[in-house]
Amino acid sequence: MFSALYNRIETRAGGAHASPRAFIRAFRGMITDQAKTRANRCARQETIRSMLEKREQSISLYSRVMRGGV
C-alpha cells in the first residue's frame, strides 16, 4: 500500500490509534462501488491486511519515538 493512500485513510479514520474497524470503514468509504463487489473480494481483503499491517508499524514507530528508542 502506498504511504499517501495510507495517510489519507488514517486521516479519515481519526488517526493512527483509531480502531481497526474505523480504518476499514474509512477504506470502504473511499473505494468505488465496483471495488465493493464480490469479484474484487480477494484484492480488497489483501489491501485491508496491508493497511492494518502498516497501521501496526506506524503505532510501533510512534511508541519507539515517544520512548526515545529510535
N, C-alpha and C. Protein backbone atom coordinates (compact mmCIF):
# COMPACT_ATOMS: atom_id res chain seq x y z
N MET A 1 0.84 -1.17 0.00
CA MET A 1 0.00 0.00 0.00
C MET A 1 0.89 1.24 0.00
N PHE A 2 0.54 2.20 -0.81
CA PHE A 2 1.29 3.45 -0.89
C PHE A 2 1.10 4.25 0.39
N SER A 3 2.15 4.95 0.78
CA SER A 3 2.10 5.75 2.01
C SER A 3 1.06 6.85 1.92
N ALA A 4 0.95 7.49 0.77
CA ALA A 4 -0.01 8.58 0.62
C ALA A 4 -1.44 8.07 0.81
N LEU A 5 -1.73 6.90 0.26
CA LEU A 5 -3.06 6.31 0.41
C LEU A 5 -3.32 5.96 1.87
N TYR A 6 -2.31 5.36 2.52
CA TYR A 6 -2.47 5.03 3.93
C TYR A 6 -2.72 6.28 4.76
N ASN A 7 -1.99 7.36 4.47
CA ASN A 7 -2.15 8.60 5.22
C ASN A 7 -3.55 9.18 5.05
N ARG A 8 -4.10 9.09 3.84
CA ARG A 8 -5.47 9.58 3.63
C ARG A 8 -6.48 8.75 4.42
N ILE A 9 -6.30 7.43 4.41
CA ILE A 9 -7.20 6.55 5.16
C ILE A 9 -7.06 6.81 6.66
N GLU A 10 -5.84 6.95 7.13
CA GLU A 10 -5.59 7.21 8.55
C GLU A 10 -6.26 8.50 9.00
N THR A 11 -6.17 9.53 8.18
CA THR A 11 -6.79 10.81 8.50
C THR A 11 -8.31 10.66 8.59
N ARG A 12 -8.89 9.96 7.63
CA ARG A 12 -10.35 9.76 7.65
C ARG A 12 -10.80 8.90 8.82
N ALA A 13 -9.94 7.98 9.25
CA ALA A 13 -10.28 7.07 10.35
C ALA A 13 -10.19 7.76 11.70
N GLY A 14 -9.39 8.82 11.78
CA GLY A 14 -9.26 9.53 13.04
C GLY A 14 -7.90 9.41 13.68
N GLY A 15 -6.90 9.02 12.93
CA GLY A 15 -5.54 8.93 13.45
C GLY A 15 -5.05 7.51 13.55
N ALA A 16 -3.77 7.37 13.84
CA ALA A 16 -3.14 6.05 13.88
C ALA A 16 -3.71 5.17 14.99
N HIS A 17 -4.18 5.78 16.05
CA HIS A 17 -4.69 5.00 17.17
C HIS A 17 -6.19 4.73 17.07
N ALA A 18 -6.78 5.01 15.93
CA ALA A 18 -8.18 4.65 15.70
C ALA A 18 -8.28 3.13 15.61
N SER A 19 -9.44 2.61 15.88
CA SER A 19 -9.63 1.15 15.87
C SER A 19 -9.49 0.59 14.46
N PRO A 20 -9.17 -0.70 14.36
CA PRO A 20 -9.13 -1.33 13.03
C PRO A 20 -10.47 -1.19 12.30
N ARG A 21 -11.54 -1.25 13.04
CA ARG A 21 -12.86 -1.11 12.44
C ARG A 21 -13.03 0.27 11.79
N ALA A 22 -12.53 1.31 12.46
CA ALA A 22 -12.60 2.66 11.90
C ALA A 22 -11.78 2.75 10.63
N PHE A 23 -10.63 2.08 10.61
CA PHE A 23 -9.79 2.07 9.40
C PHE A 23 -10.53 1.39 8.25
N ILE A 24 -11.14 0.26 8.52
CA ILE A 24 -11.85 -0.47 7.47
C ILE A 24 -13.03 0.35 6.96
N ARG A 25 -13.75 1.00 7.85
CA ARG A 25 -14.87 1.85 7.43
C ARG A 25 -14.39 3.01 6.56
N ALA A 26 -13.29 3.63 6.96
CA ALA A 26 -12.74 4.73 6.16
C ALA A 26 -12.31 4.23 4.79
N PHE A 27 -11.69 3.07 4.75
CA PHE A 27 -11.27 2.47 3.48
C PHE A 27 -12.47 2.18 2.59
N ARG A 28 -13.49 1.57 3.16
CA ARG A 28 -14.68 1.24 2.35
C ARG A 28 -15.40 2.49 1.86
N GLY A 29 -15.29 3.57 2.61
CA GLY A 29 -15.90 4.83 2.17
C GLY A 29 -15.18 5.47 1.00
N MET A 30 -13.94 5.07 0.78
CA MET A 30 -13.14 5.66 -0.28
C MET A 30 -13.16 4.86 -1.59
N ILE A 31 -13.53 3.59 -1.53
CA ILE A 31 -13.46 2.77 -2.75
C ILE A 31 -14.77 2.88 -3.55
N THR A 32 -14.69 2.53 -4.81
CA THR A 32 -15.86 2.63 -5.69
C THR A 32 -16.81 1.46 -5.46
N ASP A 33 -18.02 1.59 -5.99
CA ASP A 33 -18.99 0.51 -5.89
C ASP A 33 -18.49 -0.75 -6.59
N GLN A 34 -17.77 -0.58 -7.70
CA GLN A 34 -17.22 -1.72 -8.42
C GLN A 34 -16.21 -2.47 -7.56
N ALA A 35 -15.42 -1.74 -6.78
CA ALA A 35 -14.41 -2.38 -5.92
C ALA A 35 -15.06 -3.12 -4.75
N LYS A 36 -16.30 -2.80 -4.44
CA LYS A 36 -17.00 -3.45 -3.33
C LYS A 36 -17.70 -4.75 -3.74
N THR A 37 -17.63 -5.10 -5.02
CA THR A 37 -18.32 -6.30 -5.50
C THR A 37 -17.59 -7.57 -5.08
N ARG A 38 -18.29 -8.67 -5.16
CA ARG A 38 -17.74 -9.97 -4.79
C ARG A 38 -16.55 -10.36 -5.65
N ALA A 39 -16.55 -9.91 -6.89
CA ALA A 39 -15.46 -10.24 -7.81
C ALA A 39 -14.12 -9.66 -7.35
N ASN A 40 -14.17 -8.58 -6.60
CA ASN A 40 -12.94 -7.93 -6.13
C ASN A 40 -12.65 -8.21 -4.66
N ARG A 41 -13.27 -9.21 -4.10
CA ARG A 41 -13.15 -9.51 -2.67
C ARG A 41 -11.71 -9.81 -2.26
N CYS A 42 -11.01 -10.64 -3.01
CA CYS A 42 -9.63 -11.02 -2.65
C CYS A 42 -8.70 -9.80 -2.66
N ALA A 43 -8.82 -8.97 -3.66
CA ALA A 43 -7.97 -7.77 -3.74
C ALA A 43 -8.29 -6.83 -2.59
N ARG A 44 -9.57 -6.70 -2.26
CA ARG A 44 -9.99 -5.84 -1.16
C ARG A 44 -9.44 -6.34 0.17
N GLN A 45 -9.52 -7.65 0.40
CA GLN A 45 -9.00 -8.22 1.64
C GLN A 45 -7.49 -8.07 1.74
N GLU A 46 -6.80 -8.25 0.64
CA GLU A 46 -5.35 -8.09 0.63
C GLU A 46 -4.97 -6.64 0.97
N THR A 47 -5.71 -5.69 0.42
CA THR A 47 -5.45 -4.28 0.70
C THR A 47 -5.72 -3.95 2.17
N ILE A 48 -6.79 -4.51 2.72
CA ILE A 48 -7.12 -4.26 4.13
C ILE A 48 -6.04 -4.85 5.02
N ARG A 49 -5.57 -6.05 4.72
CA ARG A 49 -4.49 -6.65 5.52
C ARG A 49 -3.23 -5.79 5.46
N SER A 50 -2.91 -5.31 4.29
CA SER A 50 -1.74 -4.45 4.11
C SER A 50 -1.90 -3.16 4.90
N MET A 51 -3.09 -2.59 4.87
CA MET A 51 -3.37 -1.35 5.58
C MET A 51 -3.23 -1.55 7.09
N LEU A 52 -3.77 -2.64 7.61
CA LEU A 52 -3.70 -2.89 9.05
C LEU A 52 -2.26 -3.21 9.49
N GLU A 53 -1.49 -3.85 8.61
CA GLU A 53 -0.09 -4.10 8.91
C GLU A 53 0.69 -2.78 8.98
N LYS A 54 0.41 -1.90 8.04
CA LYS A 54 1.06 -0.58 8.03
C LYS A 54 0.65 0.22 9.27
N ARG A 55 -0.59 0.05 9.72
CA ARG A 55 -1.07 0.71 10.94
C ARG A 55 -0.26 0.23 12.14
N GLU A 56 -0.03 -1.07 12.24
CA GLU A 56 0.75 -1.61 13.35
C GLU A 56 2.18 -1.06 13.32
N GLN A 57 2.77 -0.96 12.14
CA GLN A 57 4.11 -0.41 12.01
C GLN A 57 4.14 1.05 12.44
N SER A 58 3.10 1.78 12.08
CA SER A 58 3.01 3.19 12.44
C SER A 58 2.91 3.37 13.95
N ILE A 59 2.08 2.57 14.60
CA ILE A 59 1.92 2.64 16.06
C ILE A 59 3.23 2.24 16.74
N SER A 60 3.89 1.22 16.23
CA SER A 60 5.15 0.76 16.79
C SER A 60 6.22 1.86 16.70
N LEU A 61 6.33 2.50 15.54
CA LEU A 61 7.29 3.57 15.36
C LEU A 61 6.98 4.73 16.31
N TYR A 62 5.71 5.08 16.43
CA TYR A 62 5.32 6.18 17.31
C TYR A 62 5.71 5.88 18.75
N SER A 63 5.46 4.66 19.20
CA SER A 63 5.76 4.32 20.59
C SER A 63 7.28 4.29 20.83
N ARG A 64 8.06 3.84 19.83
CA ARG A 64 9.51 3.85 19.98
C ARG A 64 10.04 5.27 20.05
N VAL A 65 9.51 6.16 19.24
CA VAL A 65 9.94 7.56 19.24
C VAL A 65 9.59 8.21 20.57
N MET A 66 8.40 7.94 21.08
CA MET A 66 7.99 8.55 22.34
C MET A 66 8.82 8.04 23.52
N ARG A 67 9.32 6.82 23.44
CA ARG A 67 10.18 6.29 24.50
C ARG A 67 11.63 6.73 24.31
N GLY A 68 11.94 7.30 23.16
CA GLY A 68 13.29 7.76 22.86
C GLY A 68 14.21 6.65 22.40
N GLY A 69 13.63 5.60 21.83
CA GLY A 69 14.46 4.45 21.46
C GLY A 69 14.70 4.28 19.98
N VAL A 70 14.54 5.30 19.19
CA VAL A 70 14.75 5.13 17.75
C VAL A 70 16.18 5.16 17.39
